Amino acid sequence: GGVSSTAADMAKWLQMELADGKFDGKQVVDAQALQTSRVPHMTSSP
């Protein structure tokens, strides 16, 4: 819960997420490790 940021900075993070870890043509975050975080691992509210 400790991150602080701006709308302008968050736009960059959203771009990276939607590009599976890439930003400005560079792979910043590993695509497979990122995708592993974006599949269901637990039912939060049955």
ModelCIF file with pLDDT and N, C-alpha, C, O atoms, coordinates in Angstrom:
data_MODEL
#
_entry.id   MODEL 
#
_entity.id                         1 
_entity.type                       polymer 
_entity.pdbx_number_of_molecules   1 
#
_entity_poly.entity_id                      1 
_entity_poly.type                           'polypeptide(L)' 
_entity_poly.nstd_linkage                   no 
_entity_poly.nstd_monomer                   no 
_entity_poly.pdbx_seq_one_letter_code       GGVSSTAADMAKWLQMELADGKFDGKQVVDAQALQTSRVPHMTSSP 
_entity_poly.pdbx_seq_one_letter_code_can   GGVSSTAADMAKWLQMELADGKFDGKQVVDAQALQTSRVPHMTSSP 
_entity_poly.pdbx_strand_id                 A 
#
loop_
_entity_poly_seq.entity_id 
_entity_poly_seq.num 
_entity_poly_seq.mon_id 
_entity_poly_seq.hetero 
1 1  GLY n 
1 2  GLY n 
1 3  VAL n 
1 4  SER n 
1 5  SER n 
1 6  THR n 
1 7  ALA n 
1 8  ALA n 
1 9  ASP n 
1 10 MET n 
1 11 ALA n 
1 12 LYS n 
1 13 TRP n 
1 14 LEU n 
1 15 GLN n 
1 16 MET n 
1 17 GLU n 
1 18 LEU n 
1 19 ALA n 
1 20 ASP n 
1 21 GLY n 
1 22 LYS n 
1 23 PHE n 
1 24 ASP n 
1 25 GLY n 
1 26 LYS n 
1 27 GLN n 
1 28 VAL n 
1 29 VAL n 
1 30 ASP n 
1 31 ALA n 
1 32 GLN n 
1 33 ALA n 
1 34 LEU n 
1 35 GLN n 
1 36 THR n 
1 37 SER n 
1 38 ARG n 
1 39 VAL n 
1 40 PRO n 
1 41 HIS n 
1 42 MET n 
1 43 THR n 
1 44 SER n 
1 45 SER n 
1 46 PRO n 
#
_struct_asym.id          A 
_struct_asym.entity_id   1 
#
loop_
_ma_qa_metric.id 
_ma_qa_metric.mode 
_ma_qa_metric.name 
_ma_qa_metric.software_group_id 
_ma_qa_metric.type 
1 global pLDDT . pLDDT 
2 local  pLDDT . pLDDT 
#
_ma_qa_metric_global.metric_id      1 
_ma_qa_metric_global.metric_value   97.41 
_ma_qa_metric_global.model_id       1 
_ma_qa_metric_global.ordinal_id     1 
#
loop_
_ma_qa_metric_local.label_asym_id 
_ma_qa_metric_local.label_comp_id 
_ma_qa_metric_local.label_seq_id 
_ma_qa_metric_local.metric_id 
_ma_qa_metric_local.metric_value 
_ma_qa_metric_local.model_id 
_ma_qa_metric_local.ordinal_id 
A GLY 1  2 98.00 1 1  
A GLY 2  2 98.00 1 2  
A VAL 3  2 98.00 1 3  
A SER 4  2 98.00 1 4  
A SER 5  2 98.00 1 5  
A THR 6  2 98.00 1 6  
A ALA 7  2 98.00 1 7  
A ALA 8  2 98.00 1 8  
A ASP 9  2 98.00 1 9  
A MET 10 2 98.00 1 10 
A ALA 11 2 98.00 1 11 
A LYS 12 2 98.00 1 12 
A TRP 13 2 98.00 1 13 
A LEU 14 2 98.00 1 14 
A GLN 15 2 98.00 1 15 
A MET 16 2 98.00 1 16 
A GLU 17 2 98.00 1 17 
A LEU 18 2 98.00 1 18 
A ALA 19 2 98.00 1 19 
A ASP 20 2 98.00 1 20 
A GLY 21 2 98.00 1 21 
A LYS 22 2 98.00 1 22 
A PHE 23 2 98.00 1 23 
A ASP 24 2 96.00 1 24 
A GLY 25 2 95.00 1 25 
A LYS 26 2 97.00 1 26 
A GLN 27 2 98.00 1 27 
A VAL 28 2 98.00 1 28 
A VAL 29 2 98.00 1 29 
A ASP 30 2 98.00 1 30 
A ALA 31 2 98.00 1 31 
A GLN 32 2 98.00 1 32 
A ALA 33 2 98.00 1 33 
A LEU 34 2 98.00 1 34 
A GLN 35 2 98.00 1 35 
A THR 36 2 98.00 1 36 
A SER 37 2 98.00 1 37 
A ARG 38 2 97.00 1 38 
A VAL 39 2 97.00 1 39 
A PRO 40 2 97.00 1 40 
A HIS 41 2 97.00 1 41 
A MET 42 2 97.00 1 42 
A THR 43 2 96.00 1 43 
A SER 44 2 95.00 1 44 
A SER 45 2 92.00 1 45 
A PRO 46 2 93.00 1 46 
#
loop_
_atom_site.group_PDB 
_atom_site.id 
_atom_site.type_symbol 
_atom_site.label_atom_id 
_atom_site.label_alt_id 
_atom_site.label_comp_id 
_atom_site.label_asym_id 
_atom_site.label_entity_id 
_atom_site.label_seq_id 
_atom_site.pdbx_PDB_ins_code 
_atom_site.Cartn_x 
_atom_site.Cartn_y 
_atom_site.Cartn_z 
_atom_site.occupancy 
_atom_site.B_iso_or_equiv 
_atom_site.pdbx_formal_charge 
_atom_site.auth_seq_id 
_atom_site.auth_comp_id 
_atom_site.auth_asym_id 
_atom_site.auth_atom_id 
_atom_site.pdbx_PDB_model_num 
ATOM 1   N N  . GLY A 1 1  ? 0.781   -1.233  0.000   1.00 98.00 ? 1  GLY A N  1 
ATOM 2   C CA . GLY A 1 1  ? 0.000   0.000   0.000   1.00 98.00 ? 1  GLY A CA 1 
ATOM 3   C C  . GLY A 1 1  ? 0.804   1.271   0.000   1.00 98.00 ? 1  GLY A C  1 
ATOM 4   O O  . GLY A 1 1  ? 0.244   2.345   0.220   1.00 98.00 ? 1  GLY A O  1 
ATOM 5   N N  . GLY A 1 2  ? 2.118   1.192   -0.242  1.00 98.00 ? 2  GLY A N  1 
ATOM 6   C CA . GLY A 1 2  ? 2.966   2.350   -0.038  1.00 98.00 ? 2  GLY A CA 1 
ATOM 7   C C  . GLY A 1 2  ? 3.409   3.103   -1.263  1.00 98.00 ? 2  GLY A C  1 
ATOM 8   O O  . GLY A 1 2  ? 4.222   4.019   -1.144  1.00 98.00 ? 2  GLY A O  1 
ATOM 9   N N  . VAL A 1 3  ? 2.912   2.761   -2.450  1.00 98.00 ? 3  VAL A N  1 
ATOM 10  C CA . VAL A 1 3  ? 3.342   3.471   -3.654  1.00 98.00 ? 3  VAL A CA 1 
ATOM 11  C C  . VAL A 1 3  ? 2.628   4.812   -3.759  1.00 98.00 ? 3  VAL A C  1 
ATOM 12  O O  . VAL A 1 3  ? 1.442   4.917   -3.445  1.00 98.00 ? 3  VAL A O  1 
ATOM 13  N N  . SER A 1 4  ? 3.353   5.836   -4.202  1.00 98.00 ? 4  SER A N  1 
ATOM 14  C CA . SER A 1 4  ? 2.742   7.109   -4.594  1.00 98.00 ? 4  SER A CA 1 
ATOM 15  C C  . SER A 1 4  ? 3.137   7.379   -6.037  1.00 98.00 ? 4  SER A C  1 
ATOM 16  O O  . SER A 1 4  ? 4.242   7.044   -6.465  1.00 98.00 ? 4  SER A O  1 
ATOM 17  N N  . SER A 1 5  ? 2.221   7.987   -6.781  1.00 98.00 ? 5  SER A N  1 
ATOM 18  C CA . SER A 1 5  ? 2.477   8.187   -8.210  1.00 98.00 ? 5  SER A CA 1 
ATOM 19  C C  . SER A 1 5  ? 1.565   9.281   -8.760  1.00 98.00 ? 5  SER A C  1 
ATOM 20  O O  . SER A 1 5  ? 0.765   9.866   -8.029  1.00 98.00 ? 5  SER A O  1 
ATOM 21  N N  . THR A 1 6  ? 1.697   9.545   -10.046 1.00 98.00 ? 6  THR A N  1 
ATOM 22  C CA . THR A 1 6  ? 0.901   10.546  -10.737 1.00 98.00 ? 6  THR A CA 1 
ATOM 23  C C  . THR A 1 6  ? 0.121   9.888   -11.876 1.00 98.00 ? 6  THR A C  1 
ATOM 24  O O  . THR A 1 6  ? 0.411   8.759   -12.271 1.00 98.00 ? 6  THR A O  1 
ATOM 25  N N  . ALA A 1 7  ? -0.855  10.598  -12.389 1.00 98.00 ? 7  ALA A N  1 
ATOM 26  C CA . ALA A 1 7  ? -1.596  10.079  -13.540 1.00 98.00 ? 7  ALA A CA 1 
ATOM 27  C C  . ALA A 1 7  ? -0.664  9.900   -14.736 1.00 98.00 ? 7  ALA A C  1 
ATOM 28  O O  . ALA A 1 7  ? -0.781  8.921   -15.472 1.00 98.00 ? 7  ALA A O  1 
ATOM 29  N N  . ALA A 1 8  ? 0.264   10.844  -14.932 1.00 98.00 ? 8  ALA A N  1 
ATOM 30  C CA . ALA A 1 8  ? 1.196   10.749  -16.060 1.00 98.00 ? 8  ALA A CA 1 
ATOM 31  C C  . ALA A 1 8  ? 2.090   9.521   -15.942 1.00 98.00 ? 8  ALA A C  1 
ATOM 32  O O  . ALA A 1 8  ? 2.331   8.829   -16.931 1.00 98.00 ? 8  ALA A O  1 
ATOM 33  N N  . ASP A 1 9  ? 2.582   9.250   -14.737 1.00 98.00 ? 9  ASP A N  1 
ATOM 34  C CA . ASP A 1 9  ? 3.420   8.062   -14.534 1.00 98.00 ? 9  ASP A CA 1 
ATOM 35  C C  . ASP A 1 9  ? 2.610   6.783   -14.677 1.00 98.00 ? 9  ASP A C  1 
ATOM 36  O O  . ASP A 1 9  ? 3.085   5.811   -15.264 1.00 98.00 ? 9  ASP A O  1 
ATOM 37  N N  . MET A 1 10 ? 1.397   6.771   -14.148 1.00 98.00 ? 10 MET A N  1 
ATOM 38  C CA . MET A 1 10 ? 0.573   5.563   -14.230 1.00 98.00 ? 10 MET A CA 1 
ATOM 39  C C  . MET A 1 10 ? 0.233   5.219   -15.673 1.00 98.00 ? 10 MET A C  1 
ATOM 40  O O  . MET A 1 10 ? 0.062   4.045   -16.004 1.00 98.00 ? 10 MET A O  1 
ATOM 41  N N  . ALA A 1 11 ? 0.131   6.234   -16.541 1.00 98.00 ? 11 ALA A N  1 
ATOM 42  C CA . ALA A 1 11 ? -0.107  5.958   -17.957 1.00 98.00 ? 11 ALA A CA 1 
ATOM 43  C C  . ALA A 1 11 ? 1.020   5.106   -18.529 1.00 98.00 ? 11 ALA A C  1 
ATOM 44  O O  . ALA A 1 11 ? 0.768   4.220   -19.346 1.00 98.00 ? 11 ALA A O  1 
ATOM 45  N N  . LYS A 1 12 ? 2.256   5.360   -18.110 1.00 98.00 ? 12 LYS A N  1 
ATOM 46  C CA . LYS A 1 12 ? 3.401   4.579   -18.590 1.00 98.00 ? 12 LYS A CA 1 
ATOM 47  C C  . LYS A 1 12 ? 3.318   3.142   -18.086 1.00 98.00 ? 12 LYS A C  1 
ATOM 48  O O  . LYS A 1 12 ? 3.608   2.200   -18.823 1.00 98.00 ? 12 LYS A O  1 
ATOM 49  N N  . TRP A 1 13 ? 2.925   2.983   -16.845 1.00 98.00 ? 13 TRP A N  1 
ATOM 50  C CA . TRP A 1 13 ? 2.790   1.625   -16.298 1.00 98.00 ? 13 TRP A CA 1 
ATOM 51  C C  . TRP A 1 13 ? 1.677   0.861   -17.028 1.00 98.00 ? 13 TRP A C  1 
ATOM 52  O O  . TRP A 1 13 ? 1.843   -0.319  -17.336 1.00 98.00 ? 13 TRP A O  1 
ATOM 53  N N  . LEU A 1 14 ? 0.561   1.513   -17.303 1.00 98.00 ? 14 LEU A N  1 
ATOM 54  C CA . LEU A 1 14 ? -0.523  0.874   -18.056 1.00 98.00 ? 14 LEU A CA 1 
ATOM 55  C C  . LEU A 1 14 ? -0.052  0.465   -19.448 1.00 98.00 ? 14 LEU A C  1 
ATOM 56  O O  . LEU A 1 14 ? -0.389  -0.619  -19.923 1.00 98.00 ? 14 LEU A O  1 
ATOM 57  N N  . GLN A 1 15 ? 0.723   1.322   -20.101 1.00 98.00 ? 15 GLN A N  1 
ATOM 58  C CA . GLN A 1 15 ? 1.254   0.980   -21.419 1.00 98.00 ? 15 GLN A CA 1 
ATOM 59  C C  . GLN A 1 15 ? 2.126   -0.273  -21.352 1.00 98.00 ? 15 GLN A C  1 
ATOM 60  O O  . GLN A 1 15 ? 2.020   -1.158  -22.202 1.00 98.00 ? 15 GLN A O  1 
ATOM 61  N N  . MET A 1 16 ? 2.982   -0.342  -20.343 1.00 98.00 ? 16 MET A N  1 
ATOM 62  C CA . MET A 1 16 ? 3.836   -1.511  -20.174 1.00 98.00 ? 16 MET A CA 1 
ATOM 63  C C  . MET A 1 16 ? 3.014   -2.772  -19.948 1.00 98.00 ? 16 MET A C  1 
ATOM 64  O O  . MET A 1 16 ? 3.289   -3.812  -20.547 1.00 98.00 ? 16 MET A O  1 
ATOM 65  N N  . GLU A 1 17 ? 2.008   -2.684  -19.089 1.00 98.00 ? 17 GLU A N  1 
ATOM 66  C CA . GLU A 1 17 ? 1.160   -3.838  -18.804 1.00 98.00 ? 17 GLU A CA 1 
ATOM 67  C C  . GLU A 1 17 ? 0.448   -4.328  -20.065 1.00 98.00 ? 17 GLU A C  1 
ATOM 68  O O  . GLU A 1 17 ? 0.403   -5.529  -20.329 1.00 98.00 ? 17 GLU A O  1 
ATOM 69  N N  . LEU A 1 18 ? -0.102  -3.407  -20.832 1.00 98.00 ? 18 LEU A N  1 
ATOM 70  C CA . LEU A 1 18 ? -0.850  -3.787  -22.037 1.00 98.00 ? 18 LEU A CA 1 
ATOM 71  C C  . LEU A 1 18 ? 0.064   -4.310  -23.139 1.00 98.00 ? 18 LEU A C  1 
ATOM 72  O O  . LEU A 1 18 ? -0.389  -5.003  -24.050 1.00 98.00 ? 18 LEU A O  1 
ATOM 73  N N  . ALA A 1 19 ? 1.364   -3.975  -23.055 1.00 98.00 ? 19 ALA A N  1 
ATOM 74  C CA . ALA A 1 19 ? 2.343   -4.472  -24.027 1.00 98.00 ? 19 ALA A CA 1 
ATOM 75  C C  . ALA A 1 19 ? 3.090   -5.685  -23.494 1.00 98.00 ? 19 ALA A C  1 
ATOM 76  O O  . ALA A 1 19 ? 4.172   -6.014  -23.981 1.00 98.00 ? 19 ALA A O  1 
ATOM 77  N N  . ASP A 1 20 ? 2.513   -6.357  -22.489 1.00 98.00 ? 20 ASP A N  1 
ATOM 78  C CA . ASP A 1 20 ? 3.122   -7.568  -21.911 1.00 98.00 ? 20 ASP A CA 1 
ATOM 79  C C  . ASP A 1 20 ? 4.563   -7.345  -21.473 1.00 98.00 ? 20 ASP A C  1 
ATOM 80  O O  . ASP A 1 20 ? 5.445   -8.164  -21.734 1.00 98.00 ? 20 ASP A O  1 
ATOM 81  N N  . GLY A 1 21 ? 4.779   -6.224  -20.806 1.00 98.00 ? 21 GLY A N  1 
ATOM 82  C CA . GLY A 1 21 ? 6.086   -5.968  -20.206 1.00 98.00 ? 21 GLY A CA 1 
ATOM 83  C C  . GLY A 1 21 ? 7.005   -5.089  -21.016 1.00 98.00 ? 21 GLY A C  1 
ATOM 84  O O  . GLY A 1 21 ? 8.080   -4.729  -20.536 1.00 98.00 ? 21 GLY A O  1 
ATOM 85  N N  . LYS A 1 22 ? 6.622   -4.728  -22.235 1.00 98.00 ? 22 LYS A N  1 
ATOM 86  C CA . LYS A 1 22 ? 7.481   -3.887  -23.068 1.00 98.00 ? 22 LYS A CA 1 
ATOM 87  C C  . LYS A 1 22 ? 7.142   -2.407  -22.898 1.00 98.00 ? 22 LYS A C  1 
ATOM 88  O O  . LYS A 1 22 ? 6.002   -2.031  -22.623 1.00 98.00 ? 22 LYS A O  1 
ATOM 89  N N  . PHE A 1 23 ? 8.178   -1.582  -23.073 1.00 98.00 ? 23 PHE A N  1 
ATOM 90  C CA . PHE A 1 23 ? 7.967   -0.135  -23.061 1.00 98.00 ? 23 PHE A CA 1 
ATOM 91  C C  . PHE A 1 23 ? 9.031   0.503   -23.933 1.00 98.00 ? 23 PHE A C  1 
ATOM 92  O O  . PHE A 1 23 ? 10.222  0.258   -23.745 1.00 98.00 ? 23 PHE A O  1 
ATOM 93  N N  . ASP A 1 24 ? 8.608   1.317   -24.885 1.00 96.00 ? 24 ASP A N  1 
ATOM 94  C CA . ASP A 1 24 ? 9.523   1.955   -25.844 1.00 96.00 ? 24 ASP A CA 1 
ATOM 95  C C  . ASP A 1 24 ? 10.421  0.919   -26.524 1.00 96.00 ? 24 ASP A C  1 
ATOM 96  O O  . ASP A 1 24 ? 11.607  1.155   -26.751 1.00 96.00 ? 24 ASP A O  1 
ATOM 97  N N  . GLY A 1 25 ? 9.826   -0.227  -26.841 1.00 95.00 ? 25 GLY A N  1 
ATOM 98  C CA . GLY A 1 25 ? 10.552  -1.250  -27.572 1.00 95.00 ? 25 GLY A CA 1 
ATOM 99  C C  . GLY A 1 25 ? 11.456  -2.134  -26.744 1.00 95.00 ? 25 GLY A C  1 
ATOM 100 O O  . GLY A 1 25 ? 12.091  -3.043  -27.278 1.00 95.00 ? 25 GLY A O  1 
ATOM 101 N N  . LYS A 1 26 ? 11.526  -1.879  -25.438 1.00 97.00 ? 26 LYS A N  1 
ATOM 102 C CA . LYS A 1 26 ? 12.397  -2.667  -24.557 1.00 97.00 ? 26 LYS A CA 1 
ATOM 103 C C  . LYS A 1 26 ? 11.566  -3.525  -23.618 1.00 97.00 ? 26 LYS A C  1 
ATOM 104 O O  . LYS A 1 26 ? 10.554  -3.072  -23.083 1.00 97.00 ? 26 LYS A O  1 
ATOM 105 N N  . GLN A 1 27 ? 11.997  -4.772  -23.420 1.00 98.00 ? 27 GLN A N  1 
ATOM 106 C CA . GLN A 1 27 ? 11.304  -5.661  -22.492 1.00 98.00 ? 27 GLN A CA 1 
ATOM 107 C C  . GLN A 1 27 ? 11.731  -5.316  -21.070 1.00 98.00 ? 27 GLN A C  1 
ATOM 108 O O  . GLN A 1 27 ? 12.793  -5.740  -20.615 1.00 98.00 ? 27 GLN A O  1 
ATOM 109 N N  . VAL A 1 28 ? 10.904  -4.548  -20.373 1.00 98.00 ? 28 VAL A N  1 
ATOM 110 C CA . VAL A 1 28 ? 11.229  -4.111  -19.020 1.00 98.00 ? 28 VAL A CA 1 
ATOM 111 C C  . VAL A 1 28 ? 10.873  -5.185  -17.995 1.00 98.00 ? 28 VAL A C  1 
ATOM 112 O O  . VAL A 1 28 ? 11.615  -5.412  -17.039 1.00 98.00 ? 28 VAL A O  1 
ATOM 113 N N  . VAL A 1 29 ? 9.732   -5.843  -18.202 1.00 98.00 ? 29 VAL A N  1 
ATOM 114 C CA . VAL A 1 29 ? 9.247   -6.880  -17.282 1.00 98.00 ? 29 VAL A CA 1 
ATOM 115 C C  . VAL A 1 29 ? 9.049   -8.165  -18.078 1.00 98.00 ? 29 VAL A C  1 
ATOM 116 O O  . VAL A 1 29 ? 8.478   -8.150  -19.168 1.00 98.00 ? 29 VAL A O  1 
ATOM 117 N N  . ASP A 1 30 ? 9.527   -9.273  -17.522 1.00 98.00 ? 30 ASP A N  1 
ATOM 118 C CA . ASP A 1 30 ? 9.410   -10.561 -18.205 1.00 98.00 ? 30 ASP A CA 1 
ATOM 119 C C  . ASP A 1 30 ? 7.947   -10.886 -18.510 1.00 98.00 ? 30 ASP A C  1 
ATOM 120 O O  . ASP A 1 30 ? 7.103   -10.878 -17.614 1.00 98.00 ? 30 ASP A O  1 
ATOM 121 N N  . ALA A 1 31 ? 7.654   -11.172 -19.782 1.00 98.00 ? 31 ALA A N  1 
ATOM 122 C CA . ALA A 1 31 ? 6.270   -11.362 -20.221 1.00 98.00 ? 31 ALA A CA 1 
ATOM 123 C C  . ALA A 1 31 ? 5.616   -12.565 -19.554 1.00 98.00 ? 31 ALA A C  1 
ATOM 124 O O  . ALA A 1 31 ? 4.466   -12.479 -19.124 1.00 98.00 ? 31 ALA A O  1 
ATOM 125 N N  . GLN A 1 32 ? 6.327   -13.685 -19.460 1.00 98.00 ? 32 GLN A N  1 
ATOM 126 C CA . GLN A 1 32 ? 5.729   -14.881 -18.891 1.00 98.00 ? 32 GLN A CA 1 
ATOM 127 C C  . GLN A 1 32 ? 5.486   -14.730 -17.388 1.00 98.00 ? 32 GLN A C  1 
ATOM 128 O O  . GLN A 1 32 ? 4.436   -15.126 -16.882 1.00 98.00 ? 32 GLN A O  1 
ATOM 129 N N  . ALA A 1 33 ? 6.455   -14.160 -16.683 1.00 98.00 ? 33 ALA A N  1 
ATOM 130 C CA . ALA A 1 33 ? 6.288   -13.950 -15.237 1.00 98.00 ? 33 ALA A CA 1 
ATOM 131 C C  . ALA A 1 33 ? 5.145   -12.975 -14.968 1.00 98.00 ? 33 ALA A C  1 
ATOM 132 O O  . ALA A 1 33 ? 4.398   -13.131 -14.002 1.00 98.00 ? 33 ALA A O  1 
ATOM 133 N N  . LEU A 1 34 ? 5.016   -11.967 -15.833 1.00 98.00 ? 34 LEU A N  1 
ATOM 134 C CA . LEU A 1 34 ? 3.919   -11.016 -15.690 1.00 98.00 ? 34 LEU A CA 1 
ATOM 135 C C  . LEU A 1 34 ? 2.579   -11.692 -15.951 1.00 98.00 ? 34 LEU A C  1 
ATOM 136 O O  . LEU A 1 34 ? 1.615   -11.478 -15.216 1.00 98.00 ? 34 LEU A O  1 
ATOM 137 N N  . GLN A 1 35 ? 2.521   -12.504 -16.996 1.00 98.00 ? 35 GLN A N  1 
ATOM 138 C CA . GLN A 1 35 ? 1.271   -13.185 -17.319 1.00 98.00 ? 35 GLN A CA 1 
ATOM 139 C C  . GLN A 1 35 ? 0.868   -14.169 -16.224 1.00 98.00 ? 35 GLN A C  1 
ATOM 140 O O  . GLN A 1 35 ? -0.320  -14.355 -15.962 1.00 98.00 ? 35 GLN A O  1 
ATOM 141 N N  . THR A 1 36 ? 1.850   -14.795 -15.589 1.00 98.00 ? 36 THR A N  1 
ATOM 142 C CA . THR A 1 36 ? 1.536   -15.697 -14.477 1.00 98.00 ? 36 THR A CA 1 
ATOM 143 C C  . THR A 1 36 ? 0.781   -14.965 -13.375 1.00 98.00 ? 36 THR A C  1 
ATOM 144 O O  . THR A 1 36 ? -0.058  -15.556 -12.695 1.00 98.00 ? 36 THR A O  1 
ATOM 145 N N  . SER A 1 37 ? 1.076   -13.685 -13.198 1.00 98.00 ? 37 SER A N  1 
ATOM 146 C CA . SER A 1 37 ? 0.387   -12.913 -12.154 1.00 98.00 ? 37 SER A CA 1 
ATOM 147 C C  . SER A 1 37 ? -1.030  -12.552 -12.565 1.00 98.00 ? 37 SER A C  1 
ATOM 148 O O  . SER A 1 37 ? -1.828  -12.130 -11.727 1.00 98.00 ? 37 SER A O  1 
ATOM 149 N N  . ARG A 1 38 ? -1.358  -12.714 -13.858 1.00 97.00 ? 38 ARG A N  1 
ATOM 150 C CA . ARG A 1 38 ? -2.644  -12.243 -14.366 1.00 97.00 ? 38 ARG A CA 1 
ATOM 151 C C  . ARG A 1 38 ? -3.596  -13.371 -14.747 1.00 97.00 ? 38 ARG A C  1 
ATOM 152 O O  . ARG A 1 38 ? -4.537  -13.169 -15.514 1.00 97.00 ? 38 ARG A O  1 
ATOM 153 N N  . VAL A 1 39 ? -3.346  -14.543 -14.211 1.00 97.00 ? 39 VAL A N  1 
ATOM 154 C CA . VAL A 1 39 ? -4.310  -15.644 -14.354 1.00 97.00 ? 39 VAL A CA 1 
ATOM 155 C C  . VAL A 1 39 ? -4.856  -15.961 -12.965 1.00 97.00 ? 39 VAL A C  1 
ATOM 156 O O  . VAL A 1 39 ? -4.172  -15.695 -11.977 1.00 97.00 ? 39 VAL A O  1 
ATOM 157 N N  . PRO A 1 40 ? -6.052  -16.513 -12.853 1.00 97.00 ? 40 PRO A N  1 
ATOM 158 C CA . PRO A 1 40 ? -6.624  -16.775 -11.525 1.00 97.00 ? 40 PRO A CA 1 
ATOM 159 C C  . PRO A 1 40 ? -5.798  -17.782 -10.724 1.00 97.00 ? 40 PRO A C  1 
ATOM 160 O O  . PRO A 1 40 ? -5.443  -18.852 -11.217 1.00 97.00 ? 40 PRO A O  1 
ATOM 161 N N  . HIS A 1 41 ? -5.506  -17.416 -9.492  1.00 97.00 ? 41 HIS A N  1 
ATOM 162 C CA . HIS A 1 41 ? -4.835  -18.313 -8.554  1.00 97.00 ? 41 HIS A CA 1 
ATOM 163 C C  . HIS A 1 41 ? -5.725  -18.631 -7.360  1.00 97.00 ? 41 HIS A C  1 
ATOM 164 O O  . HIS A 1 41 ? -5.454  -19.577 -6.620  1.00 97.00 ? 41 HIS A O  1 
ATOM 165 N N  . MET A 1 42 ? -6.792  -17.845 -7.163  1.00 97.00 ? 42 MET A N  1 
ATOM 166 C CA . MET A 1 42 ? -7.647  -18.043 -6.006  1.00 97.00 ? 42 MET A CA 1 
ATOM 167 C C  . MET A 1 42 ? -9.023  -17.441 -6.278  1.00 97.00 ? 42 MET A C  1 
ATOM 168 O O  . MET A 1 42 ? -9.143  -16.420 -6.955  1.00 97.00 ? 42 MET A O  1 
ATOM 169 N N  . THR A 1 43 ? -10.050 -18.081 -5.744  1.00 96.00 ? 43 THR A N  1 
ATOM 170 C CA . THR A 1 43 ? -11.393 -17.504 -5.784  1.00 96.00 ? 43 THR A CA 1 
ATOM 171 C C  . THR A 1 43 ? -11.513 -16.524 -4.626  1.00 96.00 ? 43 THR A C  1 
ATOM 172 O O  . THR A 1 43 ? -11.447 -16.915 -3.460  1.00 96.00 ? 43 THR A O  1 
ATOM 173 N N  . SER A 1 44 ? -11.688 -15.255 -4.952  1.00 95.00 ? 44 SER A N  1 
ATOM 174 C CA . SER A 1 44 ? -11.722 -14.235 -3.908  1.00 95.00 ? 44 SER A CA 1 
ATOM 175 C C  . SER A 1 44 ? -13.117 -14.041 -3.326  1.00 95.00 ? 44 SER A C  1 
ATOM 176 O O  . SER A 1 44 ? -13.250 -13.728 -2.143  1.00 95.00 ? 44 SER A O  1 
ATOM 177 N N  . SER A 1 45 ? -14.156 -14.222 -4.134  1.00 92.00 ? 45 SER A N  1 
ATOM 178 C CA . SER A 1 45 ? -15.528 -14.085 -3.645  1.00 92.00 ? 45 SER A CA 1 
ATOM 179 C C  . SER A 1 45 ? -16.419 -15.076 -4.387  1.00 92.00 ? 45 SER A C  1 
ATOM 180 O O  . SER A 1 45 ? -16.886 -14.785 -5.487  1.00 92.00 ? 45 SER A O  1 
ATOM 181 N N  . PRO A 1 46 ? -16.656 -16.242 -3.794  1.00 93.00 ? 46 PRO A N  1 
ATOM 182 C CA . PRO A 1 46 ? -17.486 -17.260 -4.454  1.00 93.00 ? 46 PRO A CA 1 
ATOM 183 C C  . PRO A 1 46 ? -18.881 -16.727 -4.743  1.00 93.00 ? 46 PRO A C  1 
ATOM 184 O O  . PRO A 1 46 ? -19.714 -17.445 -5.295  1.00 93.00 ? 46 PRO A O  1 
#
